[in-house]
């Protein structure tokens, strides 16, 4: 299902997704990378990746840790680490379904 949502410049992508009901805000500490889980993972469309700053070492570590195969998906980012800017207006993002091992 495709939805268009609006976020505020300076706000994280994760907060925007939570504010629009696309993720459960109770399952996240919305700005704390140390508390990140697979639920923070989003997939950014290829044409938007170069408009984002590179993922930090900590972000890459969390993404690899949460991947069952320990292989980093090149489109994966943590929503809590993507800060919205005017240049990102129109960005296409996929919110993956929860992985079976992440569902209690």
C-alpha atoms as a PDB file:
ATOM      1  CA  UNK A   1       0.000   0.000   0.000  1.00  0.00           C
ATOM      2  CA  UNK A   2       1.384   3.402  -0.951  1.00  0.00           C
ATOM      3  CA  UNK A   3       0.696   6.436   1.232  1.00  0.00           C
ATOM      4  CA  UNK A   4       1.857  10.006   1.037  1.00  0.00           C
ATOM      5  CA  UNK A   5       2.757  11.499   4.394  1.00  0.00           C
ATOM      6  CA  UNK A   6       4.110  14.848   5.519  1.00  0.00           C
ATOM      7  CA  UNK A   7       6.959  15.307   7.953  1.00  0.00           C
ATOM      8  CA  UNK A   8       8.609  18.374   9.394  1.00  0.00           C
ATOM      9  CA  UNK A   9      12.088  19.472   8.429  1.00  0.00           C
ATOM     10  CA  UNK A  10      14.471  18.528  11.253  1.00  0.00           C
ATOM     11  CA  UNK A  11      12.238  15.663  12.388  1.00  0.00           C
ATOM     12  CA  UNK A  12      13.412  12.063  12.050  1.00  0.00           C
ATOM     13  CA  UNK A  13      11.804   9.783   9.520  1.00  0.00           C
ATOM     14  CA  UNK A  14      10.883   7.383  12.339  1.00  0.00           C
ATOM     15  CA  UNK A  15       9.010  10.107  14.232  1.00  0.00           C
ATOM     16  CA  UNK A  16       7.159  11.053  11.049  1.00  0.00           C
ATOM     17  CA  UNK A  17       6.189   7.412  10.436  1.00  0.00           C
ATOM     18  CA  UNK A  18       4.984   7.112  14.047  1.00  0.00           C
ATOM     19  CA  UNK A  19       3.008  10.383  13.840  1.00  0.00           C
ATOM     20  CA  UNK A  20       1.261   9.045  10.735  1.00  0.00           C
ATOM     21  CA  UNK A  21       0.388   5.668  12.258  1.00  0.00           C
ATOM     22  CA  UNK A  22       2.746   3.612  10.098  1.00  0.00           C
ATOM     23  CA  UNK A  23       4.743   2.248  13.041  1.00  0.00           C
ATOM     24  CA  UNK A  24       3.925   1.736  16.689  1.00  0.00           C
ATOM     25  CA  UNK A  25       5.548   4.573  18.663  1.00  0.00           C
ATOM     26  CA  UNK A  26       5.381   2.488  21.865  1.00  0.00           C
ATOM     27  CA  UNK A  27       7.894   0.031  20.415  1.00  0.00           C
ATOM     28  CA  UNK A  28      10.592   2.670  19.878  1.00  0.00           C
ATOM     29  CA  UNK A  29      12.720   5.128  21.729  1.00  0.00           C
ATOM     30  CA  UNK A  30      12.410   7.431  18.798  1.00  0.00           C
ATOM     31  CA  UNK A  31      15.848   9.018  18.804  1.00  0.00           C
ATOM     32  CA  UNK A  32      18.057   6.526  20.680  1.00  0.00           C
ATOM     33  CA  UNK A  33      20.297   4.453  18.370  1.00  0.00           C
ATOM     34  CA  UNK A  34      21.360   2.267  21.307  1.00  0.00           C
ATOM     35  CA  UNK A  35      17.752   1.131  21.681  1.00  0.00           C
ATOM     36  CA  UNK A  36      17.212   0.451  17.968  1.00  0.00           C
ATOM     37  CA  UNK A  37      15.712  -2.777  16.791  1.00  0.00           C
ATOM     38  CA  UNK A  38      14.752  -4.206  13.436  1.00  0.00           C
ATOM     39  CA  UNK A  39      11.520  -2.224  13.716  1.00  0.00           C
ATOM     40  CA  UNK A  40      13.493   0.981  13.068  1.00  0.00           C
ATOM     41  CA  UNK A  41      14.656  -0.333   9.680  1.00  0.00           C
ATOM     42  CA  UNK A  42      13.269   1.307   6.562  1.00  0.00           C
ATOM     43  CA  UNK A  43      14.257   0.891   2.930  1.00  0.00           C
ATOM     44  CA  UNK A  44      15.023   4.037   0.959  1.00  0.00           C
ATOM     45  CA  UNK A  45      14.452   4.111  -2.799  1.00  0.00           C
ATOM     46  CA  UNK A  46      17.770   4.046  -4.655  1.00  0.00           C
ATOM     47  CA  UNK A  47      17.377   7.483  -6.233  1.00  0.00           C
ATOM     48  CA  UNK A  48      17.095   9.049  -2.732  1.00  0.00           C
ATOM     49  CA  UNK A  49      20.039   7.280  -1.098  1.00  0.00           C
ATOM     50  CA  UNK A  50      22.655   9.708  -2.451  1.00  0.00           C
ATOM     51  CA  UNK A  51      20.691  12.614  -0.975  1.00  0.00           C
ATOM     52  CA  UNK A  52      21.166  11.206   2.527  1.00  0.00           C
ATOM     53  CA  UNK A  53      24.351  11.508   4.549  1.00  0.00           C
ATOM     54  CA  UNK A  54      26.201   8.189   4.786  1.00  0.00           C
ATOM     55  CA  UNK A  55      25.132   5.831   7.564  1.00  0.00           C
ATOM     56  CA  UNK A  56      27.318   6.104  10.652  1.00  0.00           C
ATOM     57  CA  UNK A  57      29.318   3.139  11.918  1.00  0.00           C
ATOM     58  CA  UNK A  58      26.771   2.701  14.746  1.00  0.00           C
ATOM     59  CA  UNK A  59      23.867   2.690  12.286  1.00  0.00           C
ATOM     60  CA  UNK A  60      25.575   0.109  10.061  1.00  0.00           C
ATOM     61  CA  UNK A  61      26.337  -2.024  13.120  1.00  0.00           C
ATOM     62  CA  UNK A  62      22.686  -1.992  14.266  1.00  0.00           C
ATOM     63  CA  UNK A  63      21.436  -2.843  10.771  1.00  0.00           C
ATOM     64  CA  UNK A  64      23.878  -5.756  10.441  1.00  0.00           C
ATOM     65  CA  UNK A  65      23.087  -6.964  13.961  1.00  0.00           C
ATOM     66  CA  UNK A  66      19.379  -7.026  13.149  1.00  0.00           C
ATOM     67  CA  UNK A  67      19.841  -8.827   9.832  1.00  0.00           C
ATOM     68  CA  UNK A  68      19.480 -12.585  10.166  1.00  0.00           C
ATOM     69  CA  UNK A  69      22.143 -13.153   7.492  1.00  0.00           C
ATOM     70  CA  UNK A  70      24.335 -10.351   8.944  1.00  0.00           C
ATOM     71  CA  UNK A  71      24.452  -8.829   5.470  1.00  0.00           C
ATOM     72  CA  UNK A  72      23.623  -5.156   5.114  1.00  0.00           C
ATOM     73  CA  UNK A  73      20.795  -4.381   2.689  1.00  0.00           C
ATOM     74  CA  UNK A  74      22.156  -1.466   0.650  1.00  0.00           C
ATOM     75  CA  UNK A  75      18.771   0.297   0.783  1.00  0.00           C
ATOM     76  CA  UNK A  76      18.318  -0.137   4.554  1.00  0.00           C
ATOM     77  CA  UNK A  77      18.580   2.754   6.956  1.00  0.00           C
ATOM     78  CA  UNK A  78      17.387   3.311  10.500  1.00  0.00           C
ATOM     79  CA  UNK A  79      14.430   5.663  10.476  1.00  0.00           C
ATOM     80  CA  UNK A  80      15.642   7.216  13.727  1.00  0.00           C
ATOM     81  CA  UNK A  81      18.868   8.292  11.991  1.00  0.00           C
ATOM     82  CA  UNK A  82      17.316   9.854   8.866  1.00  0.00           C
ATOM     83  CA  UNK A  83      16.616  13.541   9.532  1.00  0.00           C
ATOM     84  CA  UNK A  84      14.163  15.138   7.136  1.00  0.00           C
ATOM     85  CA  UNK A  85      15.236  18.162   5.089  1.00  0.00           C
ATOM     86  CA  UNK A  86      13.495  20.143   2.326  1.00  0.00           C
ATOM     87  CA  UNK A  87      15.709  18.305  -0.222  1.00  0.00           C
ATOM     88  CA  UNK A  88      14.061  15.028   0.803  1.00  0.00           C
ATOM     89  CA  UNK A  89      10.543  16.143  -0.136  1.00  0.00           C
ATOM     90  CA  UNK A  90       9.003  13.329  -2.172  1.00  0.00           C
ATOM     91  CA  UNK A  91      11.372  10.661  -0.822  1.00  0.00           C
ATOM     92  CA  UNK A  92      10.124   7.115  -1.362  1.00  0.00           C
ATOM     93  CA  UNK A  93      10.454   4.819   1.658  1.00  0.00           C
ATOM     94  CA  UNK A  94       9.329   1.239   2.263  1.00  0.00           C
ATOM     95  CA  UNK A  95       8.520   0.081   5.768  1.00  0.00           C
ATOM     96  CA  UNK A  96       9.309  -3.645   5.884  1.00  0.00           C
ATOM     97  CA  UNK A  97       6.943  -6.124   7.467  1.00  0.00           C
ATOM     98  CA  UNK A  98       8.186  -7.335  10.859  1.00  0.00           C
ATOM     99  CA  UNK A  99      10.509 -10.314  10.584  1.00  0.00           C
ATOM    100  CA  UNK A 100       9.127 -13.525  12.153  1.00  0.00           C
ATOM    101  CA  UNK A 101      11.889 -13.582  14.779  1.00  0.00           C
ATOM    102  CA  UNK A 102      10.986 -10.039  15.860  1.00  0.00           C
ATOM    103  CA  UNK A 103       7.333 -10.797  16.614  1.00  0.00           C
ATOM    104  CA  UNK A 104       6.774 -11.740  20.274  1.00  0.00           C
END
